[in-house]
Protein backbone atom coordinates (compact mmCIF):
# COMPACT_ATOMS: atom_id res chain seq x y z
CA MET A 1 -37.45 7.66 -12.27
CA MET A 2 -36.19 4.41 -10.57
CA ALA A 3 -33.78 3.72 -13.38
CA ALA A 4 -32.40 7.39 -13.13
CA LEU A 5 -31.88 6.73 -9.21
CA VAL A 6 -29.99 3.32 -10.07
CA GLY A 7 -27.90 5.12 -12.57
CA LEU A 8 -26.82 7.81 -10.17
CA PHE A 9 -26.13 5.23 -7.64
CA LEU A 10 -23.98 3.26 -9.99
CA LEU A 11 -22.10 6.56 -11.24
CA TYR A 12 -21.38 7.02 -7.50
CA LYS A 13 -20.41 3.72 -6.52
CA MET A 14 -18.43 2.41 -9.52
CA PRO A 15 -15.32 4.49 -8.91
CA MET A 16 -15.26 3.26 -5.46
CA TRP A 17 -15.69 -0.34 -6.19
CA ARG A 18 -12.69 0.11 -8.93
CA ASP A 19 -10.62 1.61 -6.22
CA ASP A 20 -11.43 -0.75 -3.66
CA ALA A 21 -10.33 -3.72 -6.03
CA ARG A 22 -7.12 -1.86 -6.63
CA PHE A 23 -6.42 -1.39 -3.00
CA ASP A 24 -7.19 -5.15 -2.22
CA ASP A 25 -4.92 -6.37 -5.19
CA PHE A 26 -2.27 -4.14 -3.88
CA ARG A 27 -2.44 -5.19 -0.21
CA GLY A 28 -2.53 -8.91 -1.54
CA ARG A 29 0.82 -8.38 -3.61
CA VAL A 30 2.58 -6.87 -0.49
CA LEU A 31 1.31 -9.51 1.87
CA ALA A 32 2.16 -12.30 -0.71
CA HIS A 33 5.94 -10.99 -1.05
CA PRO A 34 8.22 -13.30 1.04
CA LEU A 35 9.82 -11.81 4.03
CA PRO A 36 13.56 -11.47 4.14
CA PRO A 37 15.51 -14.44 6.02
CA GLU A 38 15.51 -14.01 9.90
CA THR A 39 12.42 -11.92 9.71
CA HIS A 40 9.01 -12.34 10.91
CA ARG A 41 5.91 -10.18 11.35
CA GLN A 42 5.17 -8.61 14.69
CA LYS A 43 1.63 -7.61 14.01
CA ASP A 44 -0.96 -7.91 11.20
CA GLY A 45 -0.27 -5.24 8.45
CA VAL A 46 -1.86 -2.16 8.39
CA ALA A 47 -3.43 -0.82 5.24
CA THR A 48 -4.82 2.68 4.73
CA PHE A 49 -6.42 4.37 1.66
CA GLY A 50 -7.89 7.71 0.95
CA LYS A 51 -7.04 11.25 -0.26
CA ILE A 52 -3.51 11.91 -0.65
CA SER A 53 -2.01 13.60 2.55
CA GLY A 54 -0.97 17.18 2.10
CA GLY A 55 -1.41 16.95 -1.49
CA ASN A 56 -4.16 18.64 -3.96
CA GLY A 57 -5.82 17.01 -6.67
CA ASP A 58 -7.87 14.03 -7.26
CA TYR A 59 -5.55 11.27 -6.17
CA CYS A 60 -5.80 8.17 -4.05
CA GLU A 61 -3.08 7.18 -1.69
CA TYR A 62 -2.68 3.47 -1.08
CA ARG A 63 -0.45 2.41 2.00
CA VAL A 64 0.48 -1.09 3.40
CA ARG A 65 2.66 -1.03 6.50
CA LEU A 66 4.21 -4.02 8.12
CA GLU A 67 5.96 -4.23 11.54
CA LEU A 68 8.94 -6.94 11.28
CA ARG A 69 11.45 -8.21 13.80
CA THR A 70 14.72 -9.08 12.12
CA GLY A 71 18.11 -10.48 12.80
CA LEU A 72 19.48 -9.25 9.48
CA PRO A 73 22.02 -6.40 9.24
CA LEU A 74 20.26 -3.02 8.18
CA LYS A 75 22.41 -3.00 4.98
CA GLU A 76 20.99 -6.44 4.02
CA LEU A 77 17.46 -5.52 4.91
CA TYR A 78 17.70 -2.31 2.73
CA ALA A 79 19.01 -4.21 -0.09
CA TYR A 80 16.40 -7.01 0.05
CA TYR A 81 13.73 -4.37 -0.03
CA ASP A 82 15.30 -2.27 -2.80
CA LYS A 83 14.94 -5.29 -4.88
CA ALA A 84 11.19 -6.21 -3.96
CA ALA A 85 9.64 -4.77 -7.40
CA ILE A 86 6.13 -4.83 -5.94
CA ALA A 87 3.74 -3.63 -8.61
CA GLY A 88 1.83 -0.44 -8.01
CA VAL A 89 -2.00 0.01 -7.90
CA THR A 90 -2.56 0.39 -11.49
CA ASP A 91 -1.46 -1.42 -14.60
CA ASP A 92 -1.19 1.47 -16.96
CA GLU A 93 1.53 3.10 -15.63
CA ALA A 94 3.37 -0.13 -15.03
CA GLY A 95 5.15 1.49 -12.09
CA GLU A 96 6.32 0.02 -8.69
CA ALA A 97 5.42 0.50 -5.17
CA GLN A 98 7.41 3.03 -3.16
CA VAL A 99 9.17 1.32 -0.25
CA SER A 100 10.35 2.91 2.92
CA LEU A 101 12.03 1.69 6.17
CA HIS A 102 11.92 2.83 9.59
CA VAL A 103 14.21 1.20 12.30
CA SER A 104 12.13 1.34 15.72
CA GLU A 105 14.08 -0.70 18.02
CA ASP A 106 17.35 -2.39 18.27
CA THR A 107 18.17 -5.12 20.99
CA GLY A 108 21.39 -6.12 19.48
CA ASP A 109 20.32 -9.54 18.28
CA SER A 110 17.47 -8.36 16.53
CA ARG A 111 15.40 -5.10 15.69
CA THR A 112 11.98 -3.92 14.96
CA VAL A 113 11.53 -2.21 11.47
CA THR A 114 8.47 -0.87 9.92
CA VAL A 115 8.15 -1.27 6.13
CA GLU A 116 5.80 0.82 4.18
CA PHE A 117 4.60 0.25 0.74
CA GLY A 118 2.79 3.17 -0.75
CA ASP A 119 1.43 4.15 -4.23
CA ILE A 120 -0.92 6.82 -5.62
CA SER A 121 -3.34 6.69 -8.53
CA TYR A 122 -5.68 9.45 -10.13
CA SER A 123 -9.11 9.22 -8.96
CA ASP A 124 -12.11 10.08 -11.24
CA TRP A 125 -15.16 10.47 -9.24
CA ASP A 126 -14.10 8.67 -6.32
CA LEU A 127 -15.23 11.17 -3.47
CA ARG A 128 -13.10 9.44 -0.83
CA CYS A 129 -9.97 10.92 -2.71
CA THR A 130 -11.26 14.60 -3.76
């Protein structure tokens, strides 16, 4: 009886542990990527994980959002992040994370920019993503 309960627990938790490890690795790659010149972080990065918003199917969505202050022209900033090439969450797809930039505030000599890195993966049995 006890072995059956342990087996059910492992069946329930193993996909979560796998997806948590993917999330931690992805977040680590994003935070390890060097910032562009004349740029610094405003706040700690915000990382989210869970069911893909607005979608259907069993997919997990991974997002890491950085709020930056930069003196770079927007064209250079966009070019820098177009070349970022940060690996996505799974090795089997060998894909790169999607990057989006949102300009929040421009003071003339610098601006606040939110950079968001995102990826999705198929989730088999992780109930947080179904």
